[in-house]
Protein backbone atom coordinates (compact mmCIF):
# COMPACT_ATOMS: atom_id res chain seq x y z
CA MET A 1 -20.47 -11.99 14.84
CA ASP A 2 -23.48 -10.36 16.39
CA SER A 3 -26.29 -11.44 15.00
CA VAL A 4 -27.59 -7.98 14.49
CA LEU A 5 -24.53 -7.32 12.80
CA ALA A 6 -24.40 -10.41 10.58
CA HIS A 7 -28.77 -9.89 9.80
CA TYR A 8 -27.17 -6.33 8.51
CA LEU A 9 -25.01 -7.78 6.15
CA ASP A 10 -26.98 -9.82 4.42
CA ASN A 11 -28.85 -7.37 3.72
CA LEU A 12 -26.44 -5.61 2.81
CA VAL A 13 -24.92 -8.12 0.32
CA ALA A 14 -28.97 -8.80 -1.02
CA ALA A 15 -29.34 -5.79 -2.54
CA ALA A 16 -25.67 -5.41 -3.76
CA ARG A 17 -26.72 -8.55 -5.72
CA ASP A 18 -30.24 -6.99 -6.79
CA VAL A 19 -27.94 -4.50 -8.56
CA LEU A 20 -25.01 -5.98 -9.87
CA GLY A 21 -26.32 -9.48 -10.29
CA ALA A 22 -23.93 -11.97 -12.01
CA ASP A 23 -21.30 -8.91 -11.32
CA LEU A 24 -21.19 -9.79 -8.01
CA VAL A 25 -18.65 -12.49 -7.74
CA GLY A 26 -17.19 -10.99 -4.21
CA ALA A 27 -18.07 -9.84 -1.11
CA TYR A 28 -15.84 -9.93 2.39
CA ALA A 29 -16.28 -7.95 5.50
CA ALA A 30 -12.99 -5.65 6.70
CA GLY A 31 -11.16 -3.72 9.21
CA SER A 32 -12.53 -4.59 12.68
CA VAL A 33 -14.81 -7.69 11.45
CA GLY A 34 -12.52 -8.97 9.71
CA LEU A 35 -10.01 -8.18 12.11
CA GLY A 36 -12.87 -10.78 14.80
CA ALA A 37 -12.02 -7.25 17.18
CA TYR A 38 -16.40 -5.34 16.49
CA GLN A 39 -17.46 -3.05 18.88
CA PRO A 40 -21.36 -3.07 18.80
CA GLY A 41 -22.01 1.07 19.55
CA ARG A 42 -17.76 1.59 18.54
CA SER A 43 -16.95 0.55 15.25
CA ASP A 44 -17.37 1.04 11.98
CA VAL A 45 -18.34 -1.31 9.54
CA ASP A 46 -16.20 -2.26 6.51
CA VAL A 47 -17.10 -4.38 3.42
CA ALA A 48 -15.51 -4.50 0.27
CA LEU A 49 -17.69 -6.10 -3.13
CA VAL A 50 -15.95 -7.22 -5.75
CA SER A 51 -17.54 -7.20 -9.62
CA ALA A 52 -16.44 -9.61 -12.61
CA GLY A 53 -15.45 -6.21 -14.32
CA PRO A 54 -15.81 -2.17 -13.99
CA LEU A 55 -19.39 -0.81 -13.53
CA ALA A 56 -21.47 1.42 -15.92
CA GLU A 57 -22.20 4.92 -14.04
CA ALA A 58 -25.79 3.89 -13.32
CA ALA A 59 -24.65 1.11 -12.00
CA LYS A 60 -22.66 2.99 -9.17
CA ARG A 61 -25.42 5.48 -8.16
CA GLU A 62 -28.27 2.41 -8.17
CA LEU A 63 -25.40 0.64 -5.69
CA VAL A 64 -25.08 4.03 -3.78
CA ALA A 65 -28.93 4.64 -3.50
CA ARG A 66 -29.78 1.19 -2.15
CA LEU A 67 -26.68 0.64 -0.03
CA ARG A 68 -26.52 4.65 1.56
CA HIS A 69 -27.87 4.89 5.71
CA GLU A 70 -31.41 6.48 4.59
CA ALA A 71 -32.12 2.87 2.45
CA LEU A 72 -30.39 0.13 3.86
CA PRO A 73 -29.93 1.19 8.06
CA CYS A 74 -26.29 0.47 9.10
CA PRO A 75 -26.10 -0.60 12.99
CA ALA A 76 -23.02 0.46 13.56
CA ARG A 77 -21.71 4.46 13.30
CA GLY A 78 -21.42 3.78 10.11
CA LEU A 79 -21.22 1.44 6.47
CA GLU A 80 -17.46 2.59 4.58
CA LEU A 81 -17.96 0.88 1.77
CA VAL A 82 -15.53 0.72 -1.44
CA VAL A 83 -16.41 -1.06 -4.46
CA TYR A 84 -13.27 -3.17 -7.49
CA ASP A 85 -13.04 -4.66 -10.51
CA ARG A 86 -12.23 -8.42 -9.57
CA ALA A 87 -8.66 -7.42 -11.95
CA VAL A 88 -8.04 -4.30 -9.39
CA ALA A 89 -8.55 -6.16 -6.90
CA ALA A 90 -5.47 -9.17 -8.07
CA SER A 91 -3.08 -6.63 -9.15
CA GLY A 92 -1.51 -5.37 -5.39
CA THR A 93 -1.26 -1.78 -6.97
CA PRO A 94 -0.83 0.71 -4.47
CA GLU A 95 -3.28 3.06 -5.99
CA PRO A 96 -7.30 3.25 -4.55
CA GLY A 97 -8.87 2.04 -8.38
CA PHE A 98 -12.06 1.86 -6.44
CA GLU A 99 -15.44 1.51 -8.45
CA VAL A 100 -16.75 3.46 -5.85
CA GLU A 101 -16.84 4.57 -2.47
CA LEU A 102 -19.65 5.20 -0.03
CA ASN A 103 -19.39 6.59 3.90
CA THR A 104 -23.18 6.33 5.43
CA GLY A 105 -23.91 6.21 9.00
CA ALA A 106 -26.35 7.84 11.20
CA THR A 107 -22.87 9.60 12.91
CA MET A 108 -20.59 9.05 9.86
CA PRO A 109 -20.44 12.13 7.20
CA PHE A 110 -22.31 11.56 3.59
CA ARG A 111 -19.45 10.64 1.00
CA ARG A 112 -20.17 9.38 -2.19
CA THR A 113 -17.07 8.68 -5.03
CA LEU A 114 -17.41 7.38 -8.12
CA ASP A 115 -13.81 7.42 -9.71
CA PRO A 116 -10.61 7.81 -7.84
CA ALA A 117 -9.41 10.58 -9.72
CA ASP A 118 -12.55 12.93 -7.44
CA ARG A 119 -11.47 11.64 -4.03
CA PRO A 120 -9.48 15.18 -2.70
CA ALA A 121 -5.74 14.36 -2.14
CA ALA A 122 -5.67 15.62 0.83
CA ASP A 123 -7.82 12.67 2.35
CA GLY A 124 -5.38 10.53 1.29
CA ARG A 125 -4.80 7.44 -1.46
CA PHE A 126 -3.39 5.45 0.45
CA TRP A 127 -6.31 4.16 2.45
CA TYR A 128 -7.04 1.59 -0.51
CA GLY A 129 -3.30 0.18 -0.94
CA LEU A 130 -3.64 -0.69 3.31
CA ASP A 131 -7.19 -1.88 3.13
CA ARG A 132 -6.84 -4.61 0.43
CA SER A 133 -3.04 -5.99 2.54
CA ILE A 134 -5.49 -6.15 5.63
CA LEU A 135 -8.51 -8.06 3.12
CA HIS A 136 -5.42 -10.43 1.84
CA GLN A 137 -4.56 -11.55 4.85
CA SER A 138 -7.94 -11.51 6.87
CA GLY A 139 -11.02 -11.10 4.49
CA LEU A 140 -13.70 -12.24 6.01
CA PRO A 141 -16.32 -13.76 2.90
CA LEU A 142 -19.87 -12.62 3.27
CA LEU A 143 -20.12 -13.71 -1.01
CA GLY A 144 -17.60 -15.41 -3.16
CA PRO A 145 -14.17 -17.16 -2.81
CA PRO A 146 -11.54 -16.58 -0.24
CA ALA A 147 -10.56 -13.59 0.25
CA SER A 148 -6.43 -14.38 0.06
CA GLU A 149 -7.45 -15.50 -3.42
CA VAL A 150 -9.06 -12.70 -4.95
CA PHE A 151 -7.20 -9.76 -2.73
CA ALA A 152 -2.95 -9.74 -3.62
CA ASP A 153 -1.04 -8.30 -1.45
CA LEU A 154 1.36 -5.19 -1.44
CA THR A 155 4.66 -5.66 -2.20
CA ALA A 156 6.96 -4.98 0.53
CA ALA A 157 8.67 -1.44 -0.46
CA ASP A 158 4.44 -0.54 -1.86
CA LEU A 159 3.37 -1.46 1.94
CA ARG A 160 6.22 0.64 3.57
CA ARG A 161 5.35 3.24 1.56
CA LEU A 162 1.78 3.19 2.30
CA LEU A 163 3.04 3.31 5.96
CA VAL A 164 4.79 6.16 5.93
CA GLU A 165 1.81 7.90 4.01
CA ALA A 166 -0.89 6.80 6.40
CA LEU A 167 1.47 8.26 9.49
CA THR A 168 2.68 11.73 7.71
CA TRP A 169 -1.12 12.04 7.13
CA TRP A 170 -1.79 11.37 10.76
CA LEU A 171 0.66 13.29 12.18
CA ALA A 172 -0.08 16.59 9.64
CA LEU A 173 -3.54 17.01 11.65
CA PRO A 174 -4.57 19.33 14.22
CA THR A 175 -3.80 18.49 18.07
CA PRO A 176 -4.45 20.23 21.30
CA PRO A 177 -2.20 22.44 22.04
CA ASP A 178 -2.37 21.92 25.93
CA ASP A 179 -0.73 18.59 27.47
CA GLN A 180 -4.74 17.55 27.98
CA PRO A 181 -5.94 13.89 27.85
CA ALA A 182 -7.36 14.49 23.24
CA PRO A 183 -9.75 12.66 22.12
CA GLY A 184 -9.35 10.08 18.92
CA THR A 185 -5.68 10.32 20.12
CA GLU A 186 -6.78 6.96 21.36
CA ASP A 187 -6.69 5.46 17.84
CA ALA A 188 -4.64 7.42 16.24
CA VAL A 189 -1.62 5.38 18.92
CA LEU A 190 -3.31 2.16 18.01
CA GLY A 191 -3.30 2.40 14.40
CA ALA A 192 0.59 2.93 14.27
CA CYS A 193 0.55 0.20 16.65
CA ARG A 194 -0.77 -2.20 14.08
CA SER A 195 1.48 -0.20 11.31
CA LEU A 196 4.61 -1.48 13.15
CA VAL A 197 3.29 -5.02 13.59
CA ARG A 198 2.71 -5.09 10.35
CA HIS A 199 6.17 -3.62 9.85
CA ARG A 200 8.33 -5.98 12.19
CA ASP A 201 6.26 -9.33 12.10
CA GLY A 202 4.58 -9.31 9.05
CA VAL A 203 1.14 -9.84 9.68
CA TRP A 204 -1.72 -7.90 10.46
CA LEU A 205 -3.50 -7.50 14.47
CA ALA A 206 -7.04 -5.43 15.54
CA LYS A 207 -5.68 -1.99 16.95
CA VAL A 208 -5.69 -2.99 20.53
CA ALA A 209 -4.06 -5.99 19.40
CA ALA A 210 -1.36 -4.56 18.18
CA GLY A 211 -0.42 -2.28 20.84
CA GLN A 212 -1.16 -5.42 23.78
CA ARG A 213 1.43 -7.54 21.15
CA LEU A 214 4.31 -4.41 21.64
CA VAL A 215 3.62 -4.29 25.28
CA ASP A 216 4.42 -8.36 25.77
CA THR A 217 7.10 -8.18 23.51
CA GLY A 218 8.85 -5.52 26.35
CA ASP A 219 8.04 -2.03 24.44
CA ARG A 220 6.84 -0.15 27.55
CA THR A 221 6.14 3.43 26.37
CA GLU A 222 3.44 4.32 28.68
CA VAL A 223 1.16 5.88 26.24
CA ILE A 224 1.20 2.29 24.35
CA HIS A 225 -1.16 1.90 27.72
CA ARG A 226 -3.18 5.14 27.66
CA ALA A 227 -4.12 4.12 23.99
CA VAL A 228 -5.32 0.57 25.62
CA ALA A 229 -7.29 2.43 28.46
CA ALA A 230 -8.11 4.82 27.04
CA ARG A 231 -11.01 1.77 25.54
CA HIS A 232 -12.24 0.87 28.35
CA GLY A 233 -12.92 4.24 29.82
CA GLY A 234 -9.67 5.97 30.02
CA PRO A 235 -8.16 9.21 29.64
CA PRO A 236 -6.80 9.21 26.35
CA PRO A 237 -3.22 10.03 25.17
CA THR A 238 -2.48 13.92 24.72
CA GLY A 239 -1.72 14.69 21.63
CA ALA A 240 1.69 15.68 22.24
CA GLN A 241 1.72 11.58 23.91
CA ALA A 242 0.33 10.53 20.48
CA ARG A 243 2.92 12.73 18.04
CA ALA A 244 5.80 11.47 19.66
CA PHE A 245 4.74 7.94 19.09
CA GLN A 246 3.11 8.07 15.49
CA GLN A 247 6.90 10.24 14.89
CA ARG A 248 8.49 7.40 16.34
CA VAL A 249 7.56 4.28 14.69
CA ARG A 250 6.96 6.98 11.33
CA ASP A 251 11.15 6.86 11.84
CA GLU A 252 11.60 3.39 11.92
CA ILE A 253 9.20 2.37 9.38
CA ALA A 254 11.03 4.80 6.39
CA GLY A 255 14.05 4.02 8.08
CA GLN A 256 14.32 -0.05 7.47
CA GLU A 257 13.50 -2.37 5.13
CA ALA A 258 9.23 -4.20 5.87
CA VAL A 259 8.87 -7.69 6.28
CA GLU A 260 6.95 -9.92 3.67
CA PRO A 261 4.29 -12.21 5.90
CA SER A 262 5.54 -15.54 5.56
CA VAL A 263 2.03 -17.12 6.42
CA SER A 264 -0.96 -15.35 6.96
CA GLY A 265 -1.31 -14.39 11.12
CA PRO A 266 -4.07 -14.35 14.01
CA GLY A 267 -6.31 -11.89 13.18
CA GLY A 268 -7.35 -9.60 15.52
CA THR A 269 -7.50 0.04 10.94
CA ALA A 270 -7.55 6.03 12.00
CA THR A 271 -11.18 6.18 10.58
CA ARG A 272 -10.90 6.96 7.11
CA ARG A 273 -11.78 9.07 4.99
CA ARG A 274 -12.47 6.70 7.35
CA ALA A 275 -11.03 5.26 11.18
CA GLY A 276 -11.06 1.77 11.35
């Protein structure tokens, strides 16, 4: 792991333990860190904390105060932190179910949510179940037992529903009207690739790895090549290309049975709330 990132994560866990004490039963790196695809200067830092039980309001506020960027500077674009009660993490629920959500960073819009009911529906409620599915497979323990023992996976039906909801949410976002390369479309396309690989093969991969897998297995869609190349400085796909690909992926996932994973696959997300 990048040494600067490792130092930051050590400090984050220490600060969380100061607040929660023995009630902090686990801490896990998710997203690109968990999938082995963290890129300094580009990736966010995704972390899930697990508490022994529901948190009091004062503890939630203190966690936010101690972990926000102004108190603990994040070396990446930002920190996307979610705290779960251990029972929720183990339940396999598709609902958000979090205790605290914190987005904070030098170039990330600040978000603090202390109750799932306060999260605007327009921002999407599918993120959390999908994130916990990724954690089940590839969460990197910073504290506590293996992530697969803490986070239950989704059922096949819930997974498919959340993947379709996510793609529908992305498709509803505005895209540039002309046929010029559109910044950010590479993440939209590669995120759709990741969803499709999980649906077909039962494994979560990092975005670029998912796009490459589709290419290697015969999907020669030019938009995937452009999206992968954009991660290395090339022009991103156009909005129209991205939307057409996302629509195709959504239609396939909605129209077929999802794949249940038989084993944990190799590691390698749209910005959430949040991008991954």
